[in-house]
Amino acid sequence: MTRECHVRFCEGLAVKVRRSTHPYIRLAHGFAYLVAIIDWYSRRVLGWRISNSMEAAFCIDCLEETLRSHGKPEIFNSDQGSQFTSEAFIGVLQREGIVISMDGRGRAFDNIFVERLWRSVKHEDVYLNGYATMGELMVGLTEYFAFYNDERPHQSPGQKTPEAVYRSAIGGGAVIVDKFPRTVEDAATENREKAKPGQRRPAANEKVGCAT
């Protein structure tokens, strides 16, 4: 799913960033896959698609439609799923001159905003309605995302709706707290310093040579 967010700097510069990933939704027979585009600054969902396969085509369609409807961001962020690392998907971003950003491996907090969206979608709509078919899911999500954008107040932007914040560009924001600021080298050094004489260090910290 993709989201657009406005990252505000001290001098007032607004940089548009979009974010993308997708979850799966269980139906009566099989699964559906959802991709969406959300604005990090306002939490507004800008576009979405569902598919019964994990091919990249529906993600690309969602991206193209969002670019046509809302313009292009300066930065596009996603996870490292195969849909978002495919040549076709990357090609659209490169064609538009958009800076590509992807989550680091093991960086669970990088996609915290979109995970909050998936939690809301599942607990406020999907789990309650138990959609059986793609048609039912399409109708249900259309209604839910309209509610999510236009009626559902959000805590972070001061109980305003995503639509109100998106249109006014006031009251939103996106801050990701870095809970893992240390580098791998720093962690390895700390482990070595804590190791007592005769105590084995974690294998991950040991350098192993390979003969060729």
N, C-alpha and C. Protein backbone atom coordinates (compact mmCIF):
# COMPACT_ATOMS: atom_id res chain seq x y z
N MET A 1 0.82 -1.16 0.00
CA MET A 1 0.00 0.00 0.00
C MET A 1 0.85 1.21 0.00
N THR A 2 0.32 2.24 -0.53
CA THR A 2 1.14 3.42 -0.68
C THR A 2 0.54 4.53 0.14
N ARG A 3 1.34 5.33 0.73
CA ARG A 3 0.77 6.49 1.34
C ARG A 3 1.59 7.71 1.07
N GLU A 4 0.91 8.83 1.06
CA GLU A 4 1.61 10.08 0.84
C GLU A 4 1.65 10.81 2.18
N CYS A 5 2.81 11.33 2.53
CA CYS A 5 2.86 12.08 3.77
C CYS A 5 3.64 13.36 3.57
N HIS A 6 3.27 14.40 4.32
CA HIS A 6 3.99 15.67 4.26
C HIS A 6 4.93 15.73 5.45
N VAL A 7 6.21 15.69 5.20
CA VAL A 7 7.21 15.79 6.26
C VAL A 7 7.63 17.24 6.36
N ARG A 8 7.33 17.88 7.46
CA ARG A 8 7.55 19.32 7.59
C ARG A 8 8.87 19.60 8.29
N PHE A 9 9.68 20.45 7.68
CA PHE A 9 10.95 20.85 8.25
C PHE A 9 10.80 22.23 8.91
N CYS A 10 11.82 22.60 9.68
CA CYS A 10 11.75 23.84 10.46
C CYS A 10 11.52 25.07 9.58
N GLU A 11 12.08 25.07 8.39
CA GLU A 11 11.93 26.25 7.55
C GLU A 11 10.59 26.29 6.83
N GLY A 12 9.73 25.30 7.11
CA GLY A 12 8.39 25.31 6.52
C GLY A 12 8.29 24.53 5.23
N LEU A 13 9.36 23.88 4.81
CA LEU A 13 9.31 23.11 3.57
C LEU A 13 8.48 21.85 3.78
N ALA A 14 7.57 21.59 2.86
CA ALA A 14 6.75 20.38 2.94
C ALA A 14 7.19 19.41 1.86
N VAL A 15 7.59 18.23 2.26
CA VAL A 15 8.02 17.20 1.32
C VAL A 15 6.97 16.10 1.30
N LYS A 16 6.42 15.82 0.14
CA LYS A 16 5.39 14.80 0.03
C LYS A 16 6.04 13.42 -0.05
N VAL A 17 5.57 12.54 0.82
CA VAL A 17 6.10 11.18 0.84
C VAL A 17 4.94 10.21 0.81
N ARG A 18 5.03 9.18 -0.02
CA ARG A 18 4.01 8.15 -0.06
C ARG A 18 4.58 6.82 0.39
N ARG A 19 3.68 6.02 0.93
CA ARG A 19 4.11 4.77 1.55
C ARG A 19 3.26 3.62 1.03
N SER A 20 3.87 2.45 0.83
CA SER A 20 3.13 1.34 0.28
C SER A 20 3.45 0.00 0.88
N THR A 21 2.41 -0.82 1.08
CA THR A 21 2.51 -2.21 1.50
C THR A 21 1.12 -2.82 1.34
N HIS A 22 0.95 -4.10 1.59
CA HIS A 22 -0.41 -4.65 1.48
C HIS A 22 -0.59 -5.89 2.35
N PRO A 23 -1.82 -6.06 2.92
CA PRO A 23 -2.15 -7.24 3.70
C PRO A 23 -3.02 -8.19 2.88
N TYR A 24 -3.34 -9.33 3.45
CA TYR A 24 -4.28 -10.24 2.79
C TYR A 24 -5.54 -10.34 3.64
N ILE A 25 -6.65 -10.63 2.99
CA ILE A 25 -7.95 -10.72 3.67
C ILE A 25 -8.57 -12.07 3.31
N ARG A 26 -8.94 -12.85 4.31
CA ARG A 26 -9.52 -14.16 4.07
C ARG A 26 -10.98 -14.04 3.61
N LEU A 27 -11.32 -14.72 2.53
CA LEU A 27 -12.69 -14.79 2.04
C LEU A 27 -13.21 -16.22 2.24
N ALA A 28 -14.43 -16.49 1.80
CA ALA A 28 -15.00 -17.82 1.95
C ALA A 28 -14.18 -18.86 1.19
N HIS A 29 -13.70 -18.48 0.03
CA HIS A 29 -12.89 -19.38 -0.79
C HIS A 29 -11.64 -18.63 -1.26
N GLY A 30 -10.58 -18.72 -0.50
CA GLY A 30 -9.33 -18.08 -0.89
C GLY A 30 -9.09 -16.77 -0.15
N PHE A 31 -8.23 -15.95 -0.75
CA PHE A 31 -7.83 -14.70 -0.13
C PHE A 31 -7.93 -13.55 -1.12
N ALA A 32 -8.04 -12.35 -0.57
CA ALA A 32 -7.96 -11.12 -1.36
C ALA A 32 -6.78 -10.32 -0.82
N TYR A 33 -6.15 -9.57 -1.70
CA TYR A 33 -4.99 -8.77 -1.32
C TYR A 33 -5.32 -7.31 -1.56
N LEU A 34 -5.01 -6.49 -0.58
CA LEU A 34 -5.37 -5.07 -0.60
C LEU A 34 -4.13 -4.20 -0.67
N VAL A 35 -4.12 -3.24 -1.58
CA VAL A 35 -3.07 -2.24 -1.62
C VAL A 35 -3.75 -0.88 -1.53
N ALA A 36 -3.16 0.04 -0.77
CA ALA A 36 -3.77 1.35 -0.61
C ALA A 36 -2.70 2.42 -0.58
N ILE A 37 -3.13 3.66 -0.70
CA ILE A 37 -2.21 4.80 -0.68
C ILE A 37 -2.68 5.76 0.39
N ILE A 38 -1.82 6.00 1.37
CA ILE A 38 -2.21 6.84 2.50
C ILE A 38 -1.24 8.01 2.65
N ASP A 39 -1.78 9.12 3.07
CA ASP A 39 -0.99 10.32 3.31
C ASP A 39 -0.48 10.30 4.75
N TRP A 40 0.84 10.26 4.92
CA TRP A 40 1.40 10.19 6.27
C TRP A 40 1.02 11.41 7.11
N TYR A 41 0.95 12.57 6.50
CA TYR A 41 0.67 13.79 7.25
C TYR A 41 -0.75 13.80 7.80
N SER A 42 -1.72 13.45 6.93
CA SER A 42 -3.12 13.54 7.33
C SER A 42 -3.76 12.20 7.63
N ARG A 43 -3.10 11.10 7.24
CA ARG A 43 -3.62 9.73 7.34
C ARG A 43 -4.74 9.47 6.31
N ARG A 44 -4.90 10.33 5.33
CA ARG A 44 -5.95 10.14 4.33
C ARG A 44 -5.56 9.03 3.35
N VAL A 45 -6.50 8.13 3.07
CA VAL A 45 -6.29 7.10 2.06
C VAL A 45 -6.56 7.73 0.69
N LEU A 46 -5.54 7.76 -0.15
CA LEU A 46 -5.64 8.43 -1.45
C LEU A 46 -6.10 7.49 -2.55
N GLY A 47 -5.87 6.21 -2.39
CA GLY A 47 -6.28 5.25 -3.41
C GLY A 47 -6.09 3.84 -2.91
N TRP A 48 -6.83 2.89 -3.49
CA TRP A 48 -6.69 1.50 -3.06
C TRP A 48 -7.18 0.56 -4.16
N ARG A 49 -6.76 -0.68 -4.10
CA ARG A 49 -7.17 -1.73 -5.03
C ARG A 49 -7.18 -3.07 -4.29
N ILE A 50 -8.00 -4.00 -4.76
CA ILE A 50 -7.96 -5.37 -4.26
C ILE A 50 -7.72 -6.31 -5.43
N SER A 51 -7.16 -7.47 -5.13
CA SER A 51 -6.86 -8.45 -6.16
C SER A 51 -6.92 -9.84 -5.53
N ASN A 52 -7.16 -10.85 -6.36
CA ASN A 52 -7.13 -12.23 -5.87
C ASN A 52 -5.78 -12.90 -6.15
N SER A 53 -4.82 -12.11 -6.61
CA SER A 53 -3.46 -12.63 -6.82
C SER A 53 -2.46 -11.60 -6.31
N MET A 54 -1.23 -12.06 -6.10
CA MET A 54 -0.20 -11.16 -5.57
C MET A 54 0.71 -10.61 -6.66
N GLU A 55 0.25 -10.64 -7.89
CA GLU A 55 1.03 -10.06 -8.97
C GLU A 55 1.10 -8.54 -8.80
N ALA A 56 2.07 -7.93 -9.42
CA ALA A 56 2.32 -6.50 -9.22
C ALA A 56 1.32 -5.60 -9.94
N ALA A 57 0.55 -6.14 -10.87
CA ALA A 57 -0.31 -5.31 -11.73
C ALA A 57 -1.28 -4.43 -10.94
N PHE A 58 -1.93 -4.99 -9.91
CA PHE A 58 -2.93 -4.18 -9.20
C PHE A 58 -2.27 -3.09 -8.36
N CYS A 59 -1.03 -3.33 -7.91
CA CYS A 59 -0.29 -2.30 -7.19
C CYS A 59 0.10 -1.15 -8.13
N ILE A 60 0.49 -1.52 -9.35
CA ILE A 60 0.85 -0.51 -10.35
C ILE A 60 -0.37 0.31 -10.75
N ASP A 61 -1.51 -0.35 -10.93
CA ASP A 61 -2.75 0.37 -11.27
C ASP A 61 -3.09 1.37 -10.17
N CYS A 62 -2.95 0.95 -8.92
CA CYS A 62 -3.24 1.85 -7.80
C CYS A 62 -2.30 3.04 -7.80
N LEU A 63 -1.03 2.79 -8.04
CA LEU A 63 -0.04 3.86 -8.09
C LEU A 63 -0.34 4.84 -9.21
N GLU A 64 -0.60 4.32 -10.40
CA GLU A 64 -0.88 5.19 -11.55
C GLU A 64 -2.11 6.05 -11.31
N GLU A 65 -3.18 5.45 -10.78
CA GLU A 65 -4.40 6.20 -10.53
C GLU A 65 -4.19 7.29 -9.48
N THR A 66 -3.42 6.98 -8.45
CA THR A 66 -3.14 7.97 -7.42
C THR A 66 -2.32 9.13 -7.95
N LEU A 67 -1.37 8.83 -8.81
CA LEU A 67 -0.57 9.90 -9.42
C LEU A 67 -1.44 10.81 -10.28
N ARG A 68 -2.39 10.21 -11.01
CA ARG A 68 -3.29 11.02 -11.84
C ARG A 68 -4.22 11.88 -10.98
N SER A 69 -4.69 11.34 -9.88
CA SER A 69 -5.69 12.03 -9.06
C SER A 69 -5.09 13.03 -8.09
N HIS A 70 -3.89 12.74 -7.57
CA HIS A 70 -3.34 13.56 -6.49
C HIS A 70 -1.95 14.14 -6.79
N GLY A 71 -1.46 13.90 -7.99
CA GLY A 71 -0.13 14.41 -8.31
C GLY A 71 0.95 13.51 -7.76
N LYS A 72 2.19 13.82 -8.08
CA LYS A 72 3.29 12.96 -7.64
C LYS A 72 3.94 13.49 -6.38
N PRO A 73 4.37 12.58 -5.52
CA PRO A 73 5.10 12.98 -4.30
C PRO A 73 6.57 13.18 -4.61
N GLU A 74 7.30 13.71 -3.67
CA GLU A 74 8.74 13.81 -3.83
C GLU A 74 9.41 12.49 -3.46
N ILE A 75 8.84 11.78 -2.48
CA ILE A 75 9.40 10.52 -2.02
C ILE A 75 8.31 9.47 -1.96
N PHE A 76 8.63 8.26 -2.37
CA PHE A 76 7.70 7.14 -2.27
C PHE A 76 8.36 6.06 -1.42
N ASN A 77 7.69 5.69 -0.33
CA ASN A 77 8.23 4.69 0.58
C ASN A 77 7.39 3.42 0.56
N SER A 78 8.03 2.27 0.62
CA SER A 78 7.32 1.00 0.65
C SER A 78 8.13 -0.01 1.43
N ASP A 79 7.54 -1.19 1.64
CA ASP A 79 8.34 -2.30 2.15
C ASP A 79 9.07 -2.93 0.97
N GLN A 80 9.75 -4.03 1.22
CA GLN A 80 10.55 -4.64 0.17
C GLN A 80 9.85 -5.84 -0.47
N GLY A 81 8.51 -5.79 -0.51
CA GLY A 81 7.75 -6.84 -1.16
C GLY A 81 8.06 -6.90 -2.65
N SER A 82 7.84 -8.08 -3.25
CA SER A 82 8.19 -8.28 -4.66
C SER A 82 7.42 -7.36 -5.59
N GLN A 83 6.19 -6.98 -5.19
CA GLN A 83 5.40 -6.08 -6.04
C GLN A 83 6.07 -4.72 -6.15
N PHE A 84 6.63 -4.24 -5.05
CA PHE A 84 7.18 -2.89 -5.01
C PHE A 84 8.64 -2.83 -5.47
N THR A 85 9.28 -3.98 -5.56
CA THR A 85 10.64 -4.02 -6.07
C THR A 85 10.69 -4.50 -7.52
N SER A 86 9.52 -4.77 -8.11
CA SER A 86 9.48 -5.22 -9.50
C SER A 86 9.92 -4.10 -10.44
N GLU A 87 10.44 -4.48 -11.59
CA GLU A 87 10.92 -3.49 -12.56
C GLU A 87 9.78 -2.58 -13.02
N ALA A 88 8.59 -3.15 -13.19
CA ALA A 88 7.45 -2.36 -13.67
C ALA A 88 7.05 -1.29 -12.66
N PHE A 89 7.00 -1.66 -11.38
CA PHE A 89 6.60 -0.71 -10.34
C PHE A 89 7.66 0.37 -10.17
N ILE A 90 8.92 -0.06 -10.04
CA ILE A 90 10.02 0.88 -9.90
C ILE A 90 10.09 1.81 -11.12
N GLY A 91 9.77 1.26 -12.29
CA GLY A 91 9.83 2.06 -13.51
C GLY A 91 8.88 3.23 -13.51
N VAL A 92 7.70 3.05 -12.92
CA VAL A 92 6.74 4.16 -12.83
C VAL A 92 7.31 5.29 -11.97
N LEU A 93 7.90 4.93 -10.85
CA LEU A 93 8.48 5.94 -9.96
C LEU A 93 9.65 6.66 -10.62
N GLN A 94 10.48 5.90 -11.30
CA GLN A 94 11.62 6.51 -11.98
C GLN A 94 11.16 7.41 -13.12
N ARG A 95 10.14 7.00 -13.83
CA ARG A 95 9.59 7.81 -14.92
C ARG A 95 9.12 9.16 -14.42
N GLU A 96 8.56 9.19 -13.23
CA GLU A 96 8.02 10.43 -12.66
C GLU A 96 9.07 11.21 -11.87
N GLY A 97 10.28 10.68 -11.78
CA GLY A 97 11.33 11.38 -11.03
C GLY A 97 11.10 11.39 -9.53
N ILE A 98 10.48 10.34 -9.01
CA ILE A 98 10.17 10.25 -7.58
C ILE A 98 11.28 9.51 -6.85
N VAL A 99 11.71 10.06 -5.73
CA VAL A 99 12.75 9.41 -4.93
C VAL A 99 12.16 8.15 -4.29
N ILE A 100 12.87 7.03 -4.40
CA ILE A 100 12.39 5.75 -3.90
C ILE A 100 13.00 5.46 -2.54
N SER A 101 12.14 5.13 -1.58
CA SER A 101 12.58 4.80 -0.23
C SER A 101 11.92 3.47 0.17
N MET A 102 12.68 2.61 0.84
CA MET A 102 12.13 1.33 1.29
C MET A 102 12.53 1.06 2.73
N ASP A 103 11.66 0.35 3.44
CA ASP A 103 11.94 0.00 4.83
C ASP A 103 13.20 -0.84 4.92
N GLY A 104 13.95 -0.63 6.00
CA GLY A 104 15.09 -1.49 6.26
C GLY A 104 14.63 -2.82 6.82
N ARG A 105 15.38 -3.86 6.59
CA ARG A 105 15.04 -5.17 7.12
C ARG A 105 15.11 -5.15 8.65
N GLY A 106 14.06 -5.68 9.26
CA GLY A 106 14.01 -5.69 10.71
C GLY A 106 13.58 -4.38 11.33
N ARG A 107 13.22 -3.41 10.50
CA ARG A 107 12.82 -2.09 11.01
C ARG A 107 11.30 -2.04 11.12
N ALA A 108 10.76 -2.65 12.17
CA ALA A 108 9.32 -2.79 12.31
C ALA A 108 8.61 -1.45 12.44
N PHE A 109 9.29 -0.44 12.97
CA PHE A 109 8.63 0.84 13.21
C PHE A 109 8.58 1.72 11.96
N ASP A 110 9.27 1.31 10.89
CA ASP A 110 9.26 2.13 9.68
C ASP A 110 7.87 2.21 9.05
N ASN A 111 7.07 1.15 9.22
CA ASN A 111 5.75 1.14 8.59
C ASN A 111 4.62 1.20 9.61
N ILE A 112 4.88 1.86 10.72
CA ILE A 112 3.91 1.87 11.81
C ILE A 112 2.58 2.53 11.41
N PHE A 113 2.63 3.56 10.54
CA PHE A 113 1.40 4.26 10.19
C PHE A 113 0.49 3.40 9.32
N VAL A 114 1.06 2.68 8.39
CA VAL A 114 0.24 1.84 7.53
C VAL A 114 -0.26 0.62 8.31
N GLU A 115 0.51 0.14 9.27
CA GLU A 115 0.04 -0.97 10.09
C GLU A 115 -1.15 -0.55 10.94
N ARG A 116 -1.15 0.70 11.36
CA ARG A 116 -2.32 1.21 12.09
C ARG A 116 -3.54 1.25 11.19
N LEU A 117 -3.34 1.60 9.92
CA LEU A 117 -4.46 1.59 8.98
C LEU A 117 -4.98 0.18 8.81
N TRP A 118 -4.09 -0.80 8.63
CA TRP A 118 -4.55 -2.19 8.45
C TRP A 118 -5.29 -2.68 9.69
N ARG A 119 -4.82 -2.29 10.87
CA ARG A 119 -5.52 -2.68 12.09
C ARG A 119 -6.94 -2.11 12.10
N SER A 120 -7.09 -0.85 11.71
CA SER A 120 -8.41 -0.23 11.67
C SER A 120 -9.31 -0.91 10.65
N VAL A 121 -8.77 -1.17 9.45
CA VAL A 121 -9.57 -1.81 8.40
C VAL A 121 -10.07 -3.17 8.86
N LYS A 122 -9.19 -3.96 9.44
CA LYS A 122 -9.57 -5.32 9.84
C LYS A 122 -10.52 -5.33 11.02
N HIS A 123 -10.22 -4.57 12.07
CA HIS A 123 -11.02 -4.64 13.29
C HIS A 123 -12.31 -3.83 13.20
N GLU A 124 -12.34 -2.80 12.38
CA GLU A 124 -13.54 -1.96 12.28
C GLU A 124 -14.43 -2.35 11.11
N ASP A 125 -13.92 -3.20 10.20
CA ASP A 125 -14.74 -3.54 9.03
C ASP A 125 -14.66 -5.02 8.66
N VAL A 126 -13.50 -5.50 8.30
CA VAL A 126 -13.38 -6.86 7.74
C VAL A 126 -13.82 -7.93 8.73
N TYR A 127 -13.30 -7.90 9.96
CA TYR A 127 -13.65 -8.94 10.92
C TYR A 127 -15.12 -8.87 11.33
N LEU A 128 -15.69 -7.69 11.32
CA LEU A 128 -17.09 -7.54 11.73
C LEU A 128 -18.06 -8.01 10.65
N ASN A 129 -17.66 -7.90 9.37
CA ASN A 129 -18.58 -8.21 8.28
C ASN A 129 -18.34 -9.57 7.64
N GLY A 130 -17.16 -10.13 7.81
CA GLY A 130 -16.90 -11.46 7.28
C GLY A 130 -17.22 -11.62 5.80
N TYR A 131 -16.62 -10.79 4.97
CA TYR A 131 -16.91 -10.81 3.54
C TYR A 131 -16.58 -12.18 2.94
N ALA A 132 -17.49 -12.66 2.08
CA ALA A 132 -17.33 -13.98 1.47
C ALA A 132 -16.79 -13.91 0.05
N THR A 133 -17.05 -12.82 -0.65
CA THR A 133 -16.67 -12.72 -2.06
C THR A 133 -15.92 -11.41 -2.32
N MET A 134 -15.27 -11.36 -3.49
CA MET A 134 -14.58 -10.15 -3.88
C MET A 134 -15.56 -9.00 -4.06
N GLY A 135 -16.75 -9.29 -4.57
CA GLY A 135 -17.76 -8.25 -4.77
C GLY A 135 -18.20 -7.63 -3.45
N GLU A 136 -18.45 -8.49 -2.46
CA GLU A 136 -18.84 -7.98 -1.15
C GLU A 136 -17.73 -7.15 -0.53
N LEU A 137 -16.50 -7.61 -0.69
CA LEU A 137 -15.36 -6.89 -0.13
C LEU A 137 -15.20 -5.53 -0.80
N MET A 138 -15.38 -5.47 -2.11
CA MET A 138 -15.26 -4.21 -2.83
C MET A 138 -16.27 -3.17 -2.32
N VAL A 139 -17.52 -3.60 -2.18
CA VAL A 139 -18.56 -2.70 -1.69
C VAL A 139 -18.27 -2.26 -0.26
N GLY A 140 -17.88 -3.22 0.57
CA GLY A 140 -17.62 -2.91 1.97
C GLY A 140 -16.46 -1.96 2.17
N LEU A 141 -15.37 -2.20 1.44
CA LEU A 141 -14.20 -1.32 1.59
C LEU A 141 -14.45 0.07 1.02
N THR A 142 -15.25 0.15 -0.04
CA THR A 142 -15.61 1.45 -0.59
C THR A 142 -16.31 2.30 0.47
N GLU A 143 -17.24 1.67 1.18
CA GLU A 143 -17.96 2.38 2.23
C GLU A 143 -17.05 2.69 3.41
N TYR A 144 -16.17 1.74 3.76
CA TYR A 144 -15.33 1.96 4.93
C TYR A 144 -14.32 3.08 4.69
N PHE A 145 -13.67 3.09 3.53
CA PHE A 145 -12.66 4.12 3.30
C PHE A 145 -13.28 5.51 3.19
N ALA A 146 -14.54 5.59 2.71
CA ALA A 146 -15.23 6.87 2.71
C ALA A 146 -15.47 7.33 4.15
N PHE A 147 -15.86 6.39 5.01
CA PHE A 147 -16.04 6.69 6.43
C PHE A 147 -14.71 7.06 7.08
N TYR A 148 -13.67 6.31 6.77
CA TYR A 148 -12.34 6.52 7.36
C TYR A 148 -11.82 7.92 7.02
N ASN A 149 -12.00 8.34 5.78
CA ASN A 149 -11.48 9.64 5.35
C ASN A 149 -12.32 10.82 5.82
N ASP A 150 -13.65 10.68 5.72
CA ASP A 150 -14.53 11.83 5.86
C ASP A 150 -15.23 11.95 7.21
N GLU A 151 -15.34 10.84 7.96
CA GLU A 151 -16.14 10.88 9.18
C GLU A 151 -15.38 10.46 10.44
N ARG A 152 -14.45 9.54 10.30
CA ARG A 152 -13.78 8.98 11.47
C ARG A 152 -12.70 9.93 11.98
N PRO A 153 -12.85 10.49 13.19
CA PRO A 153 -11.82 11.38 13.73
C PRO A 153 -10.59 10.57 14.14
N HIS A 154 -9.42 11.18 14.00
CA HIS A 154 -8.17 10.51 14.36
C HIS A 154 -7.52 11.23 15.53
N GLN A 155 -6.92 10.48 16.41
CA GLN A 155 -6.34 11.05 17.62
C GLN A 155 -5.15 11.95 17.32
N SER A 156 -4.23 11.47 16.45
CA SER A 156 -2.98 12.22 16.24
C SER A 156 -3.19 13.61 15.67
N PRO A 157 -4.12 13.80 14.71
CA PRO A 157 -4.33 15.18 14.23
C PRO A 157 -5.38 15.94 15.02
N GLY A 158 -5.49 15.67 16.32
CA GLY A 158 -6.39 16.44 17.17
C GLY A 158 -7.85 16.15 16.94
N GLN A 159 -8.19 14.85 16.74
CA GLN A 159 -9.58 14.42 16.55
C GLN A 159 -10.22 14.99 15.29
N LYS A 160 -9.39 15.36 14.33
CA LYS A 160 -9.91 15.80 13.04
C LYS A 160 -9.97 14.61 12.09
N THR A 161 -10.74 14.75 11.03
CA THR A 161 -10.78 13.69 10.03
C THR A 161 -9.59 13.83 9.08
N PRO A 162 -9.16 12.72 8.47
CA PRO A 162 -8.05 12.80 7.51
C PRO A 162 -8.35 13.76 6.36
N GLU A 163 -9.58 13.79 5.90
CA GLU A 163 -9.94 14.68 4.79
C GLU A 163 -9.76 16.13 5.17
N ALA A 164 -10.18 16.50 6.39
CA ALA A 164 -10.05 17.89 6.84
C ALA A 164 -8.59 18.30 6.94
N VAL A 165 -7.75 17.42 7.46
CA VAL A 165 -6.33 17.73 7.60
C VAL A 165 -5.66 17.78 6.23
N TYR A 166 -6.04 16.86 5.35
CA TYR A 166 -5.43 16.82 4.01
C TYR A 166 -5.73 18.10 3.24
N ARG A 167 -6.96 18.58 3.31
CA ARG A 167 -7.36 19.78 2.57
C ARG A 167 -6.77 21.05 3.16
N SER A 168 -6.65 21.10 4.48
CA SER A 168 -6.16 22.32 5.12
C SER A 168 -4.65 22.33 5.32
N ALA A 169 -4.04 21.12 5.30
CA ALA A 169 -2.60 20.98 5.59
C ALA A 169 -2.25 21.57 6.95
N ILE A 170 -3.20 21.46 7.89
CA ILE A 170 -2.98 21.96 9.25
C ILE A 170 -3.36 20.87 10.24
N GLY A 171 -2.49 20.65 11.20
CA GLY A 171 -2.83 19.75 12.30
C GLY A 171 -2.32 18.33 12.18
N GLY A 172 -1.68 18.00 11.08
CA GLY A 172 -1.19 16.64 10.91
C GLY A 172 0.27 16.52 11.27
N GLY A 173 0.86 15.40 10.89
CA GLY A 173 2.27 15.19 11.15
C GLY A 173 2.60 13.72 11.15
N ALA A 174 3.86 13.41 10.99
CA ALA A 174 4.32 12.03 10.98
C ALA A 174 5.69 11.97 11.60
N VAL A 175 5.78 11.33 12.75
CA VAL A 175 7.05 11.18 13.44
C VAL A 175 7.26 9.71 13.74
N ILE A 176 8.38 9.17 13.30
CA ILE A 176 8.74 7.79 13.61
C ILE A 176 9.89 7.83 14.60
N VAL A 177 9.66 7.31 15.79
CA VAL A 177 10.69 7.30 16.82
C VAL A 177 11.64 6.15 16.53
N ASP A 178 12.92 6.47 16.46
CA ASP A 178 13.93 5.45 16.19
C ASP A 178 14.25 4.72 17.49
N LYS A 179 13.70 3.52 17.64
CA LYS A 179 13.93 2.74 18.84
C LYS A 179 15.18 1.86 18.74
N PHE A 180 15.80 1.88 17.56
CA PHE A 180 17.00 1.08 17.36
C PHE A 180 18.09 1.94 16.74
N PRO A 181 18.59 2.95 17.46
CA PRO A 181 19.55 3.89 16.87
C PRO A 181 20.95 3.34 16.71
N ARG A 182 21.29 2.26 17.41
CA ARG A 182 22.65 1.75 17.35
C ARG A 182 22.89 0.98 16.06
N THR A 183 24.10 1.01 15.61
CA THR A 183 24.47 0.24 14.43
C THR A 183 24.79 -1.19 14.85
N VAL A 184 24.88 -2.08 13.89
CA VAL A 184 25.24 -3.47 14.18
C VAL A 184 26.62 -3.54 14.80
N GLU A 185 27.55 -2.70 14.31
CA GLU A 185 28.90 -2.68 14.85
C GLU A 185 28.91 -2.26 16.32
N ASP A 186 28.05 -1.28 16.66
CA ASP A 186 27.97 -0.83 18.05
C ASP A 186 27.50 -1.95 18.95
N ALA A 187 26.48 -2.69 18.48
CA ALA A 187 25.93 -3.78 19.28
C ALA A 187 26.95 -4.89 19.46
N ALA A 188 27.68 -5.20 18.39
CA ALA A 188 28.69 -6.26 18.47
C ALA A 188 29.79 -5.87 19.45
N THR A 189 30.22 -4.61 19.41
CA THR A 189 31.25 -4.13 20.33
C THR A 189 30.78 -4.23 21.77
N GLU A 190 29.53 -3.85 22.01
CA GLU A 190 28.98 -3.91 23.36
C GLU A 190 28.94 -5.34 23.87
N ASN A 191 28.55 -6.28 23.00
CA ASN A 191 28.50 -7.68 23.41
C ASN A 191 29.89 -8.20 23.76
N ARG A 192 30.89 -7.81 22.98
CA ARG A 192 32.25 -8.26 23.26
C ARG A 192 32.76 -7.71 24.59
N GLU A 193 32.41 -6.45 24.88
CA GLU A 193 32.86 -5.84 26.13
C GLU A 193 32.19 -6.49 27.34
N LYS A 194 30.94 -6.96 27.16
CA LYS A 194 30.22 -7.57 28.28
C LYS A 194 30.63 -9.02 28.50
N ALA A 195 31.21 -9.66 27.49
CA ALA A 195 31.57 -11.07 27.59
C ALA A 195 32.66 -11.28 28.64
N LYS A 196 32.47 -12.26 29.52
CA LYS A 196 33.44 -12.56 30.55
C LYS A 196 34.47 -13.56 30.01
N PRO A 197 35.65 -13.64 30.63
CA PRO A 197 36.65 -14.60 30.19
C PRO A 197 36.08 -16.02 30.18
N GLY A 198 36.28 -16.72 29.08
CA GLY A 198 35.78 -18.09 28.97
C GLY A 198 34.33 -18.17 28.53
N GLN A 199 33.66 -17.03 28.43
CA GLN A 199 32.25 -17.02 28.02
C GLN A 199 32.15 -16.93 26.51
N ARG A 200 31.27 -17.74 25.93
CA ARG A 200 31.10 -17.72 24.47
C ARG A 200 30.29 -16.51 24.06
N ARG A 201 30.71 -15.86 22.98
CA ARG A 201 29.96 -14.75 22.43
C ARG A 201 28.96 -15.29 21.42
N PRO A 202 27.87 -14.52 21.16
CA PRO A 202 26.89 -14.96 20.17
C PRO A 202 27.56 -15.21 18.83
N ALA A 203 27.13 -16.27 18.14
CA ALA A 203 27.74 -16.63 16.87
C ALA A 203 27.61 -15.52 15.85
N ALA A 204 26.53 -14.75 15.95
CA ALA A 204 26.29 -13.68 14.97
C ALA A 204 27.37 -12.62 15.03
N ASN A 205 28.06 -12.54 16.15
CA ASN A 205 29.08 -11.52 16.32
C ASN A 205 30.48 -12.00 15.92
N GLU A 206 30.59 -13.29 15.61
CA GLU A 206 31.89 -13.85 15.26
C GLU A 206 32.15 -13.71 13.77
N LYS A 207 33.38 -13.38 13.41
CA LYS A 207 33.76 -13.33 12.00
C LYS A 207 34.26 -14.69 11.57
N VAL A 208 33.70 -15.21 10.50
CA VAL A 208 34.04 -16.54 10.03
C VAL A 208 34.64 -16.43 8.64
N GLY A 209 35.83 -17.02 8.45
CA GLY A 209 36.44 -17.00 7.14
C GLY A 209 36.05 -18.23 6.36
N CYS A 210 36.00 -18.12 5.04
CA CYS A 210 35.61 -19.23 4.18
C CYS A 210 36.71 -19.51 3.18
N ALA A 211 37.05 -20.76 3.03
CA ALA A 211 38.06 -21.14 2.05
C ALA A 211 37.42 -21.33 0.70
N THR A 212 38.09 -20.88 -0.35
CA THR A 212 37.54 -21.02 -1.69
C THR A 212 38.44 -21.92 -2.52
